[in-house]
Amino acid sequence: MSHKIITKKQLSEDVFTAEIEAPLIAQARRPGQFVIISINDEYSERIPLTIAGADPAKGTIRLIWQRVGKTTAELSDLKESDEIANVVGPLGNPTHLDNFGTVVCVGGGIGNAPLLPIAIALRDKGNKIISIIGARNKKLLILEKEFAEISDELVVTTDDGSYGRKALVTEPLKEICRRDPKPNQAFVIGPAIMMKFCCEVTKQLEVPTQVSLNTIMVDGTGMCGGCRIEYDGQPKFVCVDGPEFDGHKVNFDLMMKRLNAYKHVEQKEHEKYKQHQCKLKK
């Protein structure tokens, strides 16, 4: 069964969003879960993407992605009414939702996309939401309006100071966690290095912290082992044990080594795809 792209637009430099026809997934999806897609056929690369939203009445799910490799470049070049061959999900365990009290939600870059449905669900549970969203620069910042609408307090940061506060997200996070009373819970999603340093802050200041991990995946059922991490000294598989974990127990250094293992292959395939596209345009 193929899945039609209903709407598609660009959110920022190299970041896109689309509504995809997937009625069964839209009905079953819960915040924190993801899908695995392959664009063309059984030989296409399979990549995981978090479900950034769903409309069960329309039978659609919302995906947000960044053009970083060959498959995300192919997806970015698709147009409305084009079709994606396979969308499998919902996969992974949904977010544990509760009325914690005050929750600080920290998103970095494309991590703002999976964080948004979690923040909305936490608000609906009666939590006070403090959101910190950041990006390297203003052009890469996404979903500010959406976070402003659902947050009791919003802090925007950019690394270069081109918009909002010139800071890494760890700086306002540290300030907020030092308040009296401090937040009851933190949710952090973004690049691995950003999550690592955020968790160091919250661990030191004793604020429980959940992270959502985006590792290498192939099948999404725990069989391939590509998404393996070390958690509290034990092996875990992000696709079936996660994607959310207690951030204070994740070995981020080992996870980052595994994430970088195929970076050169990803970049090489992306360059080949770009060159192919240029020849077609000529």
C-alpha atoms as a PDB file:
ATOM      1  CA  MET A   1       0.000   0.000   0.000  1.00  0.00           C
ATOM      2  CA  SER A   2       1.532   3.333  -1.044  1.00  0.00           C
ATOM      3  CA  HIS A   3       1.048   6.533   0.916  1.00  0.00           C
ATOM      4  CA  LYS A   4       0.188   9.792  -0.843  1.00  0.00           C
ATOM      5  CA  ILE A   5       1.725  13.112   0.179  1.00  0.00           C
ATOM      6  CA  ILE A   6      -1.273  15.348   0.882  1.00  0.00           C
ATOM      7  CA  THR A   7       0.544  18.579   1.736  1.00  0.00           C
ATOM      8  CA  LYS A   8       4.236  19.492   1.858  1.00  0.00           C
ATOM      9  CA  LYS A   9       6.157  22.647   2.691  1.00  0.00           C
ATOM     10  CA  GLN A  10       9.585  23.838   3.710  1.00  0.00           C
ATOM     11  CA  LEU A  11       9.974  24.989   7.330  1.00  0.00           C
ATOM     12  CA  SER A  12      13.541  26.266   7.190  1.00  0.00           C
ATOM     13  CA  GLU A  13      16.809  25.684   5.380  1.00  0.00           C
ATOM     14  CA  ASP A  14      16.834  21.937   4.539  1.00  0.00           C
ATOM     15  CA  VAL A  15      13.894  21.159   6.887  1.00  0.00           C
ATOM     16  CA  PHE A  16      10.562  20.020   5.454  1.00  0.00           C
ATOM     17  CA  THR A  17       7.172  18.889   6.720  1.00  0.00           C
ATOM     18  CA  ALA A  18       4.475  16.838   5.024  1.00  0.00           C
ATOM     19  CA  GLU A  19       1.095  15.314   5.717  1.00  0.00           C
ATOM     20  CA  ILE A  20       1.137  11.688   4.614  1.00  0.00           C
ATOM     21  CA  GLU A  21      -1.883   9.499   3.962  1.00  0.00           C
ATOM     22  CA  ALA A  22      -1.708   6.704   6.562  1.00  0.00           C
ATOM     23  CA  PRO A  23      -5.155   6.161   8.140  1.00  0.00           C
ATOM     24  CA  LEU A  24      -4.346   3.121  10.291  1.00  0.00           C
ATOM     25  CA  ILE A  25      -1.220   4.727  11.724  1.00  0.00           C
ATOM     26  CA  ALA A  26      -3.100   7.984  12.353  1.00  0.00           C
ATOM     27  CA  GLN A  27      -5.678   6.067  14.407  1.00  0.00           C
ATOM     28  CA  ALA A  28      -3.167   4.077  16.458  1.00  0.00           C
ATOM     29  CA  ARG A  29      -0.323   6.586  16.910  1.00  0.00           C
ATOM     30  CA  ARG A  30       0.513   8.003  20.328  1.00  0.00           C
ATOM     31  CA  PRO A  31       3.018  10.752  21.245  1.00  0.00           C
ATOM     32  CA  GLY A  32       6.631   9.583  21.161  1.00  0.00           C
ATOM     33  CA  GLN A  33       6.172   6.881  18.524  1.00  0.00           C
ATOM     34  CA  PHE A  34       7.765   6.773  15.072  1.00  0.00           C
ATOM     35  CA  VAL A  35       7.501   5.209  11.626  1.00  0.00           C
ATOM     36  CA  ILE A  36      10.045   3.661   9.288  1.00  0.00           C
ATOM     37  CA  ILE A  37       9.712   4.659   5.655  1.00  0.00           C
ATOM     38  CA  SER A  38      11.169   3.509   2.365  1.00  0.00           C
ATOM     39  CA  ILE A  39      10.485   5.771  -0.577  1.00  0.00           C
ATOM     40  CA  ASN A  40      10.543   3.585  -3.654  1.00  0.00           C
ATOM     41  CA  ASP A  41      10.556  -0.184  -3.278  1.00  0.00           C
ATOM     42  CA  GLU A  42      11.900  -3.043  -1.199  1.00  0.00           C
ATOM     43  CA  TYR A  43      15.485  -2.078  -2.085  1.00  0.00           C
ATOM     44  CA  SER A  44      15.193   1.498  -0.812  1.00  0.00           C
ATOM     45  CA  GLU A  45      16.950   2.542   2.371  1.00  0.00           C
ATOM     46  CA  ARG A  46      14.702   2.386   5.438  1.00  0.00           C
ATOM     47  CA  ILE A  47      14.844   5.389   7.765  1.00  0.00           C
ATOM     48  CA  PRO A  48      13.035   6.183  11.034  1.00  0.00           C
ATOM     49  CA  LEU A  49      11.043   9.415  11.372  1.00  0.00           C
ATOM     50  CA  THR A  50       9.113  10.510  14.445  1.00  0.00           C
ATOM     51  CA  ILE A  51       5.387  11.086  13.998  1.00  0.00           C
ATOM     52  CA  ALA A  52       5.154  14.827  14.638  1.00  0.00           C
ATOM     53  CA  GLY A  53       1.356  14.820  14.643  1.00  0.00           C
ATOM     54  CA  ALA A  54      -1.702  12.966  13.380  1.00  0.00           C
ATOM     55  CA  ASP A  55      -5.237  13.684  12.217  1.00  0.00           C
ATOM     56  CA  PRO A  56      -7.316  10.504  12.608  1.00  0.00           C
ATOM     57  CA  ALA A  57     -10.342  12.148  10.949  1.00  0.00           C
ATOM     58  CA  LYS A  58      -8.343  12.928   7.794  1.00  0.00           C
ATOM     59  CA  GLY A  59      -6.307   9.725   8.045  1.00  0.00           C
ATOM     60  CA  THR A  60      -2.976  11.545   7.879  1.00  0.00           C
ATOM     61  CA  ILE A  61       0.229  11.738   9.893  1.00  0.00           C
ATOM     62  CA  ARG A  62       2.688  14.617   9.962  1.00  0.00           C
ATOM     63  CA  LEU A  63       6.383  13.997   9.321  1.00  0.00           C
ATOM     64  CA  ILE A  64       9.205  16.523   9.706  1.00  0.00           C
ATOM     65  CA  TRP A  65      12.710  15.803   8.453  1.00  0.00           C
ATOM     66  CA  GLN A  66      16.021  17.423   7.599  1.00  0.00           C
ATOM     67  CA  ARG A  67      17.871  16.887   4.338  1.00  0.00           C
ATOM     68  CA  VAL A  68      21.087  15.212   5.540  1.00  0.00           C
ATOM     69  CA  GLY A  69      21.529  12.066   3.425  1.00  0.00           C
ATOM     70  CA  LYS A  70      20.400  10.461   0.180  1.00  0.00           C
ATOM     71  CA  THR A  71      17.000   9.225   1.402  1.00  0.00           C
ATOM     72  CA  THR A  72      16.033  12.472   3.157  1.00  0.00           C
ATOM     73  CA  ALA A  73      17.144  14.319  -0.004  1.00  0.00           C
ATOM     74  CA  GLU A  74      14.889  12.075  -2.115  1.00  0.00           C
ATOM     75  CA  LEU A  75      12.020  12.678   0.295  1.00  0.00           C
ATOM     76  CA  SER A  76      12.640  16.438   0.143  1.00  0.00           C
ATOM     77  CA  ASP A  77      12.387  16.373  -3.647  1.00  0.00           C
ATOM     78  CA  LEU A  78       8.975  14.675  -3.675  1.00  0.00           C
ATOM     79  CA  LYS A  79       5.943  16.845  -4.379  1.00  0.00           C
ATOM     80  CA  GLU A  80       2.334  16.909  -3.229  1.00  0.00           C
ATOM     81  CA  SER A  81       0.378  13.953  -4.672  1.00  0.00           C
ATOM     82  CA  ASP A  82       3.592  11.912  -5.023  1.00  0.00           C
ATOM     83  CA  GLU A  83       3.595   8.627  -3.118  1.00  0.00           C
ATOM     84  CA  ILE A  84       5.880   6.930  -0.594  1.00  0.00           C
ATOM     85  CA  ALA A  85       6.060   3.174  -1.115  1.00  0.00           C
ATOM     86  CA  ASN A  86       6.171   2.035   2.513  1.00  0.00           C
ATOM     87  CA  VAL A  87       5.319   3.644   5.844  1.00  0.00           C
ATOM     88  CA  VAL A  88       5.515   1.182   8.757  1.00  0.00           C
ATOM     89  CA  GLY A  89       4.277   2.004  12.228  1.00  0.00           C
ATOM     90  CA  PRO A  90       3.507   3.173  14.753  1.00  0.00           C
ATOM     91  CA  LEU A  91       6.711   1.771  16.244  1.00  0.00           C
ATOM     92  CA  GLY A  92       8.374   2.152  19.634  1.00  0.00           C
ATOM     93  CA  ASN A  93       6.876   2.772  23.037  1.00  0.00           C
ATOM     94  CA  PRO A  94       4.737   5.886  23.513  1.00  0.00           C
ATOM     95  CA  THR A  95       5.741   8.599  25.946  1.00  0.00           C
ATOM     96  CA  HIS A  96       4.810   8.011  29.583  1.00  0.00           C
ATOM     97  CA  LEU A  97       2.383  10.869  30.234  1.00  0.00           C
ATOM     98  CA  ASP A  98       1.399  12.077  33.670  1.00  0.00           C
ATOM     99  CA  ASN A  99       0.633  15.258  35.583  1.00  0.00           C
ATOM    100  CA  PHE A 100       4.179  15.788  36.830  1.00  0.00           C
ATOM    101  CA  GLY A 101       3.622  19.435  37.734  1.00  0.00           C
ATOM    102  CA  THR A 102       6.122  21.702  36.010  1.00  0.00           C
ATOM    103  CA  VAL A 103       7.853  20.198  32.971  1.00  0.00           C
ATOM    104  CA  VAL A 104      10.738  21.740  31.051  1.00  0.00           C
ATOM    105  CA  CYS A 105      10.832  20.649  27.395  1.00  0.00           C
ATOM    106  CA  VAL A 106      14.152  21.201  25.616  1.00  0.00           C
ATOM    107  CA  GLY A 107      14.466  20.872  21.841  1.00  0.00           C
ATOM    108  CA  GLY A 108      17.500  21.336  19.648  1.00  0.00           C
ATOM    109  CA  GLY A 109      17.310  21.755  15.860  1.00  0.00           C
ATOM    110  CA  ILE A 110      15.213  19.055  14.225  1.00  0.00           C
ATOM    111  CA  GLY A 111      14.567  17.669  17.734  1.00  0.00           C
ATOM    112  CA  ASN A 112      11.860  20.318  18.090  1.00  0.00           C
ATOM    113  CA  ALA A 113       9.691  18.185  15.783  1.00  0.00           C
ATOM    114  CA  PRO A 114       9.368  15.048  17.963  1.00  0.00           C
ATOM    115  CA  LEU A 115       9.269  17.229  21.094  1.00  0.00           C
ATOM    116  CA  LEU A 116       6.168  19.184  20.016  1.00  0.00           C
ATOM    117  CA  PRO A 117       3.539  16.378  20.220  1.00  0.00           C
ATOM    118  CA  ILE A 118       4.990  15.325  23.585  1.00  0.00           C
ATOM    119  CA  ALA A 119       4.765  18.884  24.930  1.00  0.00           C
ATOM    120  CA  ILE A 120       1.164  19.164  23.687  1.00  0.00           C
ATOM    121  CA  ALA A 121       0.211  15.879  25.375  1.00  0.00           C
ATOM    122  CA  LEU A 122       1.920  16.939  28.620  1.00  0.00           C
ATOM    123  CA  ARG A 123       0.009  20.236  28.557  1.00  0.00           C
ATOM    124  CA  ASP A 124      -3.241  18.334  28.036  1.00  0.00           C
ATOM    125  CA  LYS A 125      -2.396  16.335  31.179  1.00  0.00           C
ATOM    126  CA  GLY A 126      -2.401  19.577  33.168  1.00  0.00           C
ATOM    127  CA  ASN A 127       1.340  20.238  33.378  1.00  0.00           C
ATOM    128  CA  LYS A 128       2.889  23.698  33.348  1.00  0.00           C
ATOM    129  CA  ILE A 129       5.084  23.725  30.229  1.00  0.00           C
ATOM    130  CA  ILE A 130       8.386  25.601  30.057  1.00  0.00           C
ATOM    131  CA  SER A 131       9.871  25.188  26.578  1.00  0.00           C
ATOM    132  CA  ILE A 132      13.441  25.873  25.487  1.00  0.00           C
ATOM    133  CA  ILE A 133      14.020  25.555  21.753  1.00  0.00           C
ATOM    134  CA  GLY A 134      17.299  26.226  20.005  1.00  0.00           C
ATOM    135  CA  ALA A 135      19.116  26.072  16.697  1.00  0.00           C
ATOM    136  CA  ARG A 136      22.493  27.000  15.264  1.00  0.00           C
ATOM    137  CA  ASN A 137      20.964  30.117  13.664  1.00  0.00           C
ATOM    138  CA  LYS A 138      17.627  31.775  12.878  1.00  0.00           C
ATOM    139  CA  LYS A 139      17.302  30.048   9.483  1.00  0.00           C
ATOM    140  CA  LEU A 140      17.358  26.622  11.144  1.00  0.00           C
ATOM    141  CA  LEU A 141      14.848  27.383  13.901  1.00  0.00           C
ATOM    142  CA  ILE A 142      11.526  25.571  13.481  1.00  0.00           C
ATOM    143  CA  LEU A 143       8.115  25.423  15.193  1.00  0.00           C
ATOM    144  CA  GLU A 144       8.535  28.542  17.344  1.00  0.00           C
ATOM    145  CA  LYS A 145       4.913  29.587  16.805  1.00  0.00           C
ATOM    146  CA  GLU A 146       3.582  26.155  17.743  1.00  0.00           C
ATOM    147  CA  PHE A 147       5.629  26.046  20.951  1.00  0.00           C
ATOM    148  CA  ALA A 148       4.569  29.597  21.861  1.00  0.00           C
ATOM    149  CA  GLU A 149       0.916  28.546  21.631  1.00  0.00           C
ATOM    150  CA  ILE A 150       1.239  25.602  24.035  1.00  0.00           C
ATOM    151  CA  SER A 151       3.891  26.832  26.479  1.00  0.00           C
ATOM    152  CA  ASP A 152       3.456  28.779  29.704  1.00  0.00           C
ATOM    153  CA  GLU A 153       7.003  30.058  29.168  1.00  0.00           C
ATOM    154  CA  LEU A 154       9.171  29.915  26.033  1.00  0.00           C
ATOM    155  CA  VAL A 155      12.898  30.545  25.678  1.00  0.00           C
ATOM    156  CA  VAL A 156      14.434  30.674  22.190  1.00  0.00           C
ATOM    157  CA  THR A 157      18.192  30.413  21.697  1.00  0.00           C
ATOM    158  CA  THR A 158      20.564  30.452  18.720  1.00  0.00           C
ATOM    159  CA  ASP A 159      24.237  29.552  18.814  1.00  0.00           C
ATOM    160  CA  ASP A 160      25.231  32.620  16.795  1.00  0.00           C
ATOM    161  CA  GLY A 161      22.808  35.093  18.379  1.00  0.00           C
ATOM    162  CA  SER A 162      20.994  35.747  15.087  1.00  0.00           C
ATOM    163  CA  TYR A 163      17.655  35.324  16.881  1.00  0.00           C
ATOM    164  CA  GLY A 164      16.447  35.062  20.451  1.00  0.00           C
ATOM    165  CA  ARG A 165      19.059  34.625  23.137  1.00  0.00           C
ATOM    166  CA  LYS A 166      22.662  33.930  22.118  1.00  0.00           C
ATOM    167  CA  ALA A 167      23.290  30.747  24.068  1.00  0.00           C
ATOM    168  CA  LEU A 168      23.260  26.990  23.990  1.00  0.00           C
ATOM    169  CA  VAL A 169      20.048  25.477  25.367  1.00  0.00           C
ATOM    170  CA  THR A 170      21.991  24.233  28.398  1.00  0.00           C
ATOM    171  CA  GLU A 171      22.321  27.784  29.759  1.00  0.00           C
ATOM    172  CA  PRO A 172      18.593  28.579  30.253  1.00  0.00           C
ATOM    173  CA  LEU A 173      18.054  24.939  31.266  1.00  0.00           C
ATOM    174  CA  LYS A 174      20.534  25.344  34.111  1.00  0.00           C
ATOM    175  CA  GLU A 175      18.859  28.581  35.225  1.00  0.00           C
ATOM    176  CA  ILE A 176      15.383  27.023  35.189  1.00  0.00           C
ATOM    177  CA  CYS A 177      16.532  23.914  37.064  1.00  0.00           C
ATOM    178  CA  ARG A 178      18.001  26.156  39.773  1.00  0.00           C
ATOM    179  CA  ARG A 179      14.650  27.812  40.455  1.00  0.00           C
ATOM    180  CA  ASP A 180      12.812  27.237  43.683  1.00  0.00           C
ATOM    181  CA  PRO A 181      10.801  25.178  43.165  1.00  0.00           C
ATOM    182  CA  LYS A 182      12.658  23.443  40.351  1.00  0.00           C
ATOM    183  CA  PRO A 183      10.901  21.585  37.511  1.00  0.00           C
ATOM    184  CA  ASN A 184       9.470  18.184  38.346  1.00  0.00           C
ATOM    185  CA  GLN A 185      10.482  16.617  35.026  1.00  0.00           C
ATOM    186  CA  ALA A 186      12.506  17.375  31.904  1.00  0.00           C
ATOM    187  CA  PHE A 187      12.107  16.087  28.338  1.00  0.00           C
ATOM    188  CA  VAL A 188      15.085  16.635  26.035  1.00  0.00           C
ATOM    189  CA  ILE A 189      15.274  15.853  22.301  1.00  0.00           C
ATOM    190  CA  GLY A 190      17.950  16.910  19.835  1.00  0.00           C
ATOM    191  CA  PRO A 191      21.431  16.011  18.613  1.00  0.00           C
ATOM    192  CA  ALA A 192      23.173  13.410  20.786  1.00  0.00           C
ATOM    193  CA  ILE A 193      25.828  15.845  22.003  1.00  0.00           C
ATOM    194  CA  MET A 194      23.145  18.346  23.043  1.00  0.00           C
ATOM    195  CA  MET A 195      21.187  15.685  24.944  1.00  0.00           C
ATOM    196  CA  LYS A 196      24.374  14.539  26.683  1.00  0.00           C
ATOM    197  CA  PHE A 197      25.174  17.995  28.062  1.00  0.00           C
ATOM    198  CA  CYS A 198      21.544  18.719  28.982  1.00  0.00           C
ATOM    199  CA  CYS A 199      21.459  15.475  30.955  1.00  0.00           C
ATOM    200  CA  GLU A 200      24.660  16.423  32.752  1.00  0.00           C
ATOM    201  CA  VAL A 201      22.931  19.643  33.867  1.00  0.00           C
ATOM    202  CA  THR A 202      19.731  17.966  35.029  1.00  0.00           C
ATOM    203  CA  LYS A 203      21.573  15.116  36.741  1.00  0.00           C
ATOM    204  CA  GLN A 204      23.665  17.568  38.731  1.00  0.00           C
ATOM    205  CA  LEU A 205      20.544  19.526  39.717  1.00  0.00           C
ATOM    206  CA  GLU A 206      18.495  16.366  40.343  1.00  0.00           C
ATOM    207  CA  VAL A 207      15.742  16.870  37.775  1.00  0.00           C
ATOM    208  CA  PRO A 208      14.466  13.556  36.259  1.00  0.00           C
ATOM    209  CA  THR A 209      15.008  13.606  32.500  1.00  0.00           C
ATOM    210  CA  GLN A 210      13.615  11.659  29.569  1.00  0.00           C
ATOM    211  CA  VAL A 211      15.365  11.681  26.196  1.00  0.00           C
ATOM    212  CA  SER A 212      14.183  10.382  22.824  1.00  0.00           C
ATOM    213  CA  LEU A 213      16.963   8.705  20.848  1.00  0.00           C
ATOM    214  CA  ASN A 214      17.293   8.673  17.071  1.00  0.00           C
ATOM    215  CA  THR A 215      19.795   5.944  16.243  1.00  0.00           C
ATOM    216  CA  ILE A 216      20.598   3.923  13.135  1.00  0.00           C
ATOM    217  CA  MET A 217      17.703   1.554  12.381  1.00  0.00           C
ATOM    218  CA  VAL A 218      16.927  -0.984   9.679  1.00  0.00           C
ATOM    219  CA  ASP A 219      13.957  -3.197  10.562  1.00  0.00           C
ATOM    220  CA  GLY A 220      12.508  -1.441  13.628  1.00  0.00           C
ATOM    221  CA  THR A 221      11.741  -4.742  15.375  1.00  0.00           C
ATOM    222  CA  GLY A 222      14.957  -5.310  17.359  1.00  0.00           C
ATOM    223  CA  MET A 223      16.378  -7.970  15.039  1.00  0.00           C
ATOM    224  CA  CYS A 224      19.118  -6.055  13.196  1.00  0.00           C
ATOM    225  CA  GLY A 225      20.801  -4.600  16.285  1.00  0.00           C
ATOM    226  CA  GLY A 226      21.697  -1.376  14.505  1.00  0.00           C
ATOM    227  CA  CYS A 227      20.018   0.780  17.150  1.00  0.00           C
ATOM    228  CA  ARG A 228      21.758  -0.851  20.119  1.00  0.00           C
ATOM    229  CA  ILE A 229      22.798   1.446  22.981  1.00  0.00           C
ATOM    230  CA  GLU A 230      24.261   0.956  26.429  1.00  0.00           C
ATOM    231  CA  TYR A 231      21.707   1.844  29.095  1.00  0.00           C
ATOM    232  CA  ASP A 232      22.535   1.582  32.784  1.00  0.00           C
ATOM    233  CA  GLY A 233      25.387  -0.736  31.799  1.00  0.00           C
ATOM    234  CA  GLN A 234      23.116  -3.058  29.808  1.00  0.00           C
ATOM    235  CA  PRO A 235      22.375  -3.350  26.057  1.00  0.00           C
ATOM    236  CA  LYS A 236      19.035  -1.959  24.908  1.00  0.00           C
ATOM    237  CA  PHE A 237      17.445  -1.549  21.480  1.00  0.00           C
ATOM    238  CA  VAL A 238      16.002   1.885  20.750  1.00  0.00           C
ATOM    239  CA  CYS A 239      13.348   0.590  18.342  1.00  0.00           C
ATOM    240  CA  VAL A 240      11.653  -1.763  20.820  1.00  0.00           C
ATOM    241  CA  ASP A 241      12.890  -0.658  24.266  1.00  0.00           C
ATOM    242  CA  GLY A 242      12.614   3.048  23.424  1.00  0.00           C
ATOM    243  CA  PRO A 243      12.824   5.450  21.780  1.00  0.00           C
ATOM    244  CA  GLU A 244      12.558   7.186  25.174  1.00  0.00           C
ATOM    245  CA  PHE A 245      14.920   6.491  28.033  1.00  0.00           C
ATOM    246  CA  ASP A 246      16.050   7.951  31.338  1.00  0.00           C
ATOM    247  CA  GLY A 247      18.727  10.300  30.042  1.00  0.00           C
ATOM    248  CA  HIS A 248      20.847   9.909  33.163  1.00  0.00           C
ATOM    249  CA  LYS A 249      21.431   6.233  32.338  1.00  0.00           C
ATOM    250  CA  VAL A 250      22.333   6.501  28.621  1.00  0.00           C
ATOM    251  CA  ASN A 251      25.960   6.084  27.531  1.00  0.00           C
ATOM    252  CA  PHE A 252      25.968   8.979  25.079  1.00  0.00           C
ATOM    253  CA  ASP A 253      29.674   8.694  24.219  1.00  0.00           C
ATOM    254  CA  LEU A 254      29.227   5.125  22.956  1.00  0.00           C
ATOM    255  CA  MET A 255      26.024   6.073  21.172  1.00  0.00           C
ATOM    256  CA  MET A 256      27.758   8.917  19.317  1.00  0.00           C
ATOM    257  CA  LYS A 257      30.536   6.599  18.168  1.00  0.00           C
ATOM    258  CA  ARG A 258      27.956   4.252  16.668  1.00  0.00           C
ATOM    259  CA  LEU A 259      26.079   7.150  15.041  1.00  0.00           C
ATOM    260  CA  ASN A 260      29.270   8.351  13.352  1.00  0.00           C
ATOM    261  CA  ALA A 261      30.218   4.918  12.014  1.00  0.00           C
ATOM    262  CA  TYR A 262      28.475   5.441   8.669  1.00  0.00           C
ATOM    263  CA  LYS A 263      28.677   9.239   8.344  1.00  0.00           C
ATOM    264  CA  HIS A 264      31.156   9.047   5.482  1.00  0.00           C
ATOM    265  CA  VAL A 265      28.923   6.600   3.582  1.00  0.00           C
ATOM    266  CA  GLU A 266      25.892   8.840   4.138  1.00  0.00           C
ATOM    267  CA  GLN A 267      27.760  11.900   2.860  1.00  0.00           C
ATOM    268  CA  LYS A 268      29.124  10.016  -0.156  1.00  0.00           C
ATOM    269  CA  GLU A 269      25.667   8.760  -1.191  1.00  0.00           C
ATOM    270  CA  HIS A 270      24.187  12.231  -0.695  1.00  0.00           C
ATOM    271  CA  GLU A 271      26.823  13.750  -2.987  1.00  0.00           C
ATOM    272  CA  LYS A 272      26.179  11.087  -5.644  1.00  0.00           C
ATOM    273  CA  TYR A 273      22.441  11.816  -5.474  1.00  0.00           C
ATOM    274  CA  LYS A 274      22.989  15.576  -5.799  1.00  0.00           C
ATOM    275  CA  GLN A 275      25.236  15.095  -8.833  1.00  0.00           C
ATOM    276  CA  HIS A 276      22.649  12.799 -10.432  1.00  0.00           C
ATOM    277  CA  GLN A 277      19.917  15.386  -9.877  1.00  0.00           C
ATOM    278  CA  CYS A 278      22.076  18.126 -11.448  1.00  0.00           C
ATOM    279  CA  LYS A 279      22.592  16.025 -14.598  1.00  0.00           C
ATOM    280  CA  LEU A 280      18.861  15.393 -14.893  1.00  0.00           C
ATOM    281  CA  LYS A 281      18.109  19.104 -14.645  1.00  0.00           C
ATOM    282  CA  LYS A 282      20.614  19.868 -17.400  1.00  0.00           C
END
